[in-house]
Amino acid sequence: MISGGRGMLAYLKLSSEISSVQSELELVRMERLDIEHSANLLKSESLDLDLLEEQAKRILGYAKPREIVLIDTE
């Protein structure tokens, strides 16, 4: 059967949707791992002072005298 709720066309549509959702899931997983990594760097036992300074400057808008600041708008 080609048409209908359980036909070949429905199967192809669902297969395409599954593939799309799996790709989106992989992107979300990678983003989550990146966020977890950044959060771990801010924990007191493994504090990355460069990251802390970068975040403070970004959030508060501060820079050292004679420091050049590049802003990424993405």
N, C-alpha and C. Protein backbone atom coordinates (compact mmCIF):
# COMPACT_ATOMS: atom_id res chain seq x y z
N MET A 1 0.84 -1.16 0.00
CA MET A 1 0.00 0.00 0.00
C MET A 1 0.89 1.24 0.00
N ILE A 2 0.61 2.19 -0.87
CA ILE A 2 1.44 3.39 -0.99
C ILE A 2 0.87 4.54 -0.18
N SER A 3 -0.44 4.74 -0.21
CA SER A 3 -1.04 5.86 0.52
C SER A 3 -1.65 5.36 1.82
N GLY A 4 -2.16 6.30 2.62
CA GLY A 4 -2.76 5.94 3.89
C GLY A 4 -1.80 6.16 5.04
N GLY A 5 -2.32 6.03 6.23
CA GLY A 5 -1.53 6.29 7.44
C GLY A 5 -0.37 5.36 7.66
N ARG A 6 -0.42 4.17 7.03
CA ARG A 6 0.66 3.19 7.21
C ARG A 6 1.29 2.80 5.88
N GLY A 7 1.08 3.65 4.89
CA GLY A 7 1.61 3.36 3.56
C GLY A 7 3.05 3.81 3.40
N MET A 8 3.57 3.59 2.21
CA MET A 8 4.96 3.91 1.90
C MET A 8 5.23 5.41 1.99
N LEU A 9 4.28 6.24 1.55
CA LEU A 9 4.49 7.69 1.62
C LEU A 9 4.57 8.16 3.08
N ALA A 10 3.72 7.62 3.93
CA ALA A 10 3.77 7.97 5.36
C ALA A 10 5.10 7.51 5.96
N TYR A 11 5.55 6.34 5.58
CA TYR A 11 6.83 5.81 6.07
C TYR A 11 7.99 6.72 5.66
N LEU A 12 8.00 7.16 4.41
CA LEU A 12 9.08 8.03 3.93
C LEU A 12 9.05 9.37 4.66
N LYS A 13 7.85 9.91 4.88
CA LYS A 13 7.73 11.18 5.59
C LYS A 13 8.25 11.03 7.02
N LEU A 14 7.83 9.97 7.70
CA LEU A 14 8.29 9.75 9.08
C LEU A 14 9.80 9.51 9.14
N SER A 15 10.34 8.81 8.18
CA SER A 15 11.79 8.57 8.14
C SER A 15 12.54 9.88 8.01
N SER A 16 12.02 10.77 7.17
CA SER A 16 12.65 12.08 6.99
C SER A 16 12.57 12.89 8.28
N GLU A 17 11.43 12.88 8.94
CA GLU A 17 11.28 13.60 10.21
C GLU A 17 12.20 13.04 11.28
N ILE A 18 12.34 11.75 11.35
CA ILE A 18 13.23 11.11 12.33
C ILE A 18 14.66 11.56 12.10
N SER A 19 15.08 11.56 10.86
CA SER A 19 16.45 11.98 10.52
C SER A 19 16.68 13.43 10.93
N SER A 20 15.71 14.29 10.67
CA SER A 20 15.83 15.70 11.02
C SER A 20 15.92 15.88 12.53
N VAL A 21 15.07 15.19 13.27
CA VAL A 21 15.06 15.30 14.73
C VAL A 21 16.34 14.73 15.33
N GLN A 22 16.87 13.66 14.75
CA GLN A 22 18.12 13.09 15.26
C GLN A 22 19.27 14.08 15.06
N SER A 23 19.29 14.79 13.94
CA SER A 23 20.32 15.80 13.70
C SER A 23 20.21 16.92 14.72
N GLU A 24 18.98 17.36 14.98
CA GLU A 24 18.76 18.42 15.96
C GLU A 24 19.18 17.95 17.36
N LEU A 25 18.87 16.71 17.69
CA LEU A 25 19.25 16.15 18.98
C LEU A 25 20.77 16.15 19.15
N GLU A 26 21.48 15.79 18.12
CA GLU A 26 22.95 15.77 18.19
C GLU A 26 23.50 17.18 18.43
N LEU A 27 22.92 18.18 17.78
CA LEU A 27 23.36 19.56 17.99
C LEU A 27 23.09 20.00 19.44
N VAL A 28 21.94 19.66 19.96
CA VAL A 28 21.60 20.02 21.34
C VAL A 28 22.53 19.30 22.32
N ARG A 29 22.86 18.05 22.05
CA ARG A 29 23.80 17.32 22.92
C ARG A 29 25.17 17.98 22.94
N MET A 30 25.65 18.41 21.76
CA MET A 30 26.95 19.07 21.70
C MET A 30 26.92 20.41 22.43
N GLU A 31 25.83 21.15 22.30
CA GLU A 31 25.69 22.42 23.00
C GLU A 31 25.67 22.19 24.51
N ARG A 32 24.95 21.16 24.97
CA ARG A 32 24.89 20.84 26.39
C ARG A 32 26.28 20.50 26.93
N LEU A 33 27.05 19.70 26.19
CA LEU A 33 28.40 19.35 26.63
C LEU A 33 29.28 20.58 26.73
N ASP A 34 29.13 21.50 25.78
CA ASP A 34 29.91 22.75 25.80
C ASP A 34 29.56 23.58 27.03
N ILE A 35 28.26 23.67 27.34
CA ILE A 35 27.82 24.43 28.51
C ILE A 35 28.31 23.76 29.79
N GLU A 36 28.23 22.43 29.85
CA GLU A 36 28.73 21.71 31.03
C GLU A 36 30.22 21.95 31.23
N HIS A 37 30.97 21.93 30.14
CA HIS A 37 32.42 22.16 30.22
C HIS A 37 32.69 23.57 30.75
N SER A 38 31.98 24.57 30.23
CA SER A 38 32.16 25.95 30.70
C SER A 38 31.79 26.07 32.18
N ALA A 39 30.72 25.41 32.60
CA ALA A 39 30.30 25.46 34.00
C ALA A 39 31.35 24.80 34.90
N ASN A 40 31.93 23.70 34.45
CA ASN A 40 32.96 23.02 35.24
C ASN A 40 34.19 23.89 35.41
N LEU A 41 34.50 24.71 34.40
CA LEU A 41 35.67 25.59 34.51
C LEU A 41 35.44 26.70 35.53
N LEU A 42 34.19 26.98 35.85
CA LEU A 42 33.88 28.04 36.81
C LEU A 42 33.72 27.52 38.24
N LYS A 43 33.82 26.21 38.44
CA LYS A 43 33.74 25.66 39.80
C LYS A 43 35.00 26.03 40.57
N SER A 44 34.86 26.23 41.86
CA SER A 44 35.98 26.73 42.66
C SER A 44 37.19 25.79 42.64
N GLU A 45 36.95 24.47 42.58
CA GLU A 45 38.10 23.54 42.60
C GLU A 45 38.86 23.50 41.28
N SER A 46 38.26 24.01 40.21
CA SER A 46 38.96 24.02 38.92
C SER A 46 38.75 25.35 38.21
N LEU A 47 38.79 26.43 38.98
CA LEU A 47 38.49 27.75 38.45
C LEU A 47 39.55 28.19 37.44
N ASP A 48 39.10 28.51 36.25
CA ASP A 48 39.96 29.04 35.20
C ASP A 48 39.89 30.56 35.28
N LEU A 49 40.95 31.18 35.80
CA LEU A 49 40.92 32.63 36.03
C LEU A 49 40.78 33.42 34.74
N ASP A 50 41.34 32.92 33.65
CA ASP A 50 41.19 33.60 32.36
C ASP A 50 39.72 33.61 31.92
N LEU A 51 39.05 32.48 32.10
CA LEU A 51 37.64 32.39 31.73
C LEU A 51 36.81 33.30 32.63
N LEU A 52 37.12 33.32 33.91
CA LEU A 52 36.40 34.18 34.84
C LEU A 52 36.56 35.65 34.45
N GLU A 53 37.77 36.06 34.13
CA GLU A 53 38.03 37.44 33.73
C GLU A 53 37.28 37.77 32.43
N GLU A 54 37.31 36.84 31.48
CA GLU A 54 36.62 37.04 30.21
C GLU A 54 35.12 37.22 30.42
N GLN A 55 34.52 36.37 31.25
CA GLN A 55 33.09 36.46 31.52
C GLN A 55 32.75 37.76 32.25
N ALA A 56 33.56 38.14 33.21
CA ALA A 56 33.31 39.38 33.95
C ALA A 56 33.37 40.59 33.01
N LYS A 57 34.35 40.60 32.14
CA LYS A 57 34.48 41.71 31.19
C LYS A 57 33.27 41.74 30.24
N ARG A 58 32.85 40.56 29.78
CA ARG A 58 31.74 40.50 28.85
C ARG A 58 30.45 40.96 29.52
N ILE A 59 30.20 40.48 30.73
CA ILE A 59 28.95 40.79 31.42
C ILE A 59 28.93 42.23 31.94
N LEU A 60 30.05 42.66 32.53
CA LEU A 60 30.09 43.98 33.15
C LEU A 60 30.52 45.09 32.19
N GLY A 61 31.11 44.70 31.07
CA GLY A 61 31.54 45.70 30.08
C GLY A 61 32.82 46.42 30.46
N TYR A 62 33.65 45.81 31.27
CA TYR A 62 34.91 46.43 31.68
C TYR A 62 36.09 45.93 30.84
N ALA A 63 37.11 46.78 30.77
CA ALA A 63 38.36 46.41 30.12
C ALA A 63 39.49 47.14 30.83
N LYS A 64 40.69 46.58 30.76
CA LYS A 64 41.85 47.23 31.35
C LYS A 64 42.26 48.41 30.48
N PRO A 65 42.91 49.40 31.08
CA PRO A 65 43.43 50.51 30.26
C PRO A 65 44.38 49.96 29.19
N ARG A 66 44.31 50.52 28.03
CA ARG A 66 45.15 50.16 26.88
C ARG A 66 44.84 48.76 26.35
N GLU A 67 43.73 48.18 26.76
CA GLU A 67 43.34 46.85 26.29
C GLU A 67 42.38 47.02 25.10
N ILE A 68 42.59 46.24 24.08
CA ILE A 68 41.73 46.27 22.92
C ILE A 68 40.67 45.18 23.07
N VAL A 69 39.40 45.55 22.93
CA VAL A 69 38.30 44.62 23.12
C VAL A 69 37.64 44.37 21.77
N LEU A 70 37.52 43.10 21.42
CA LEU A 70 36.82 42.70 20.20
C LEU A 70 35.51 42.07 20.61
N ILE A 71 34.42 42.51 19.99
CA ILE A 71 33.10 42.02 20.35
C ILE A 71 32.58 41.15 19.22
N ASP A 72 32.23 39.92 19.57
CA ASP A 72 31.63 38.98 18.62
C ASP A 72 30.13 39.11 18.75
N THR A 73 29.45 39.46 17.66
CA THR A 73 28.01 39.73 17.73
C THR A 73 27.17 38.47 17.49
N GLU A 74 27.77 37.33 17.40
CA GLU A 74 27.00 36.09 17.19
C GLU A 74 26.48 35.54 18.46
